[in-house]
C-alpha cells in the first residue's frame, strides 16, 4: 500500500467544494473510494465544522 493525497472537487450551485485527504491504497481507484468514504464519515459531523483558512482575491 502507498500513501496517496486525494483531492475531490464538487461543483455546487453556489460554488466549488474541495475535499483533500491522505489515504493508504494500492491503486488510484482504491484511493478515490477511500477518500469518498472518509468524506461521507465527516458529513455526519458537518454541523461542527469551522473553516480554519481562507484566501480572498479580487475578481
Protein backbone atom coordinates (compact mmCIF):
# COMPACT_ATOMS: atom_id res chain seq x y z
CA UNK A 1 0.00 0.00 0.00
CA UNK A 2 1.09 3.52 -0.72
CA UNK A 3 0.14 6.78 0.91
CA UNK A 4 -1.77 8.97 -1.57
CA UNK A 5 -3.09 12.52 -1.39
CA UNK A 6 -6.57 12.72 -2.92
CA UNK A 7 -8.39 15.91 -3.89
CA UNK A 8 -12.09 15.62 -4.66
CA UNK A 9 -13.91 18.53 -6.30
CA UNK A 10 -17.66 19.11 -6.46
CA UNK A 11 -19.32 21.89 -8.44
CA UNK A 12 -22.18 23.13 -6.30
CA UNK A 13 -24.96 25.58 -7.04
CA UNK A 14 -23.19 28.45 -5.26
CA UNK A 15 -19.53 27.50 -5.50
CA UNK A 16 -16.92 24.78 -5.72
CA UNK A 17 -16.14 22.47 -2.83
CA UNK A 18 -12.81 20.67 -2.40
CA UNK A 19 -12.06 17.76 -0.08
CA UNK A 20 -8.37 16.94 0.34
CA UNK A 21 -7.25 13.93 2.35
CA UNK A 22 -4.48 11.35 2.59
CA UNK A 23 -5.22 7.64 2.36
CA UNK A 24 -3.38 4.33 2.16
CA UNK A 25 -4.26 2.49 -1.07
CA UNK A 26 -2.95 0.08 -3.70
CA UNK A 27 -4.40 1.98 -6.69
CA UNK A 28 -5.86 5.34 -7.66
CA UNK A 29 -9.33 3.79 -7.81
CA UNK A 30 -8.95 2.39 -4.29
CA UNK A 31 -7.67 5.79 -3.10
CA UNK A 32 -10.72 7.51 -4.59
CA UNK A 33 -13.11 5.13 -2.85
CA UNK A 34 -11.28 5.53 0.45
CA UNK A 35 -11.39 9.34 0.17
CA UNK A 36 -15.10 9.30 -0.64
CA UNK A 37 -15.74 7.06 2.38
CA UNK A 38 -13.78 9.40 4.66
CA UNK A 39 -15.76 12.36 3.33
CA UNK A 40 -19.06 10.55 3.98
CA UNK A 41 -17.95 9.91 7.56
CA UNK A 42 -17.08 13.61 8.02
CA UNK A 43 -20.51 14.67 6.71
CA UNK A 44 -22.04 13.12 9.82
CA UNK A 45 -20.45 15.92 11.89
CA UNK A 46 -20.81 18.75 9.33
CA UNK A 47 -22.67 20.94 11.83
CA UNK A 48 -19.46 21.05 13.92
CA UNK A 49 -17.20 22.24 11.07
CA UNK A 50 -15.35 25.55 11.16
CA UNK A 51 -13.20 26.95 8.37
CA UNK A 52 -9.61 27.38 9.54
CA UNK A 53 -8.10 29.08 6.49
CA UNK A 54 -9.18 31.23 3.58
CA UNK A 55 -7.93 33.13 0.54
CA UNK A 56 -9.65 36.22 -0.87
CA UNK A 57 -8.73 37.58 -4.30
CA UNK A 58 -10.14 40.50 -6.32
CA UNK A 59 -12.25 39.32 -9.24
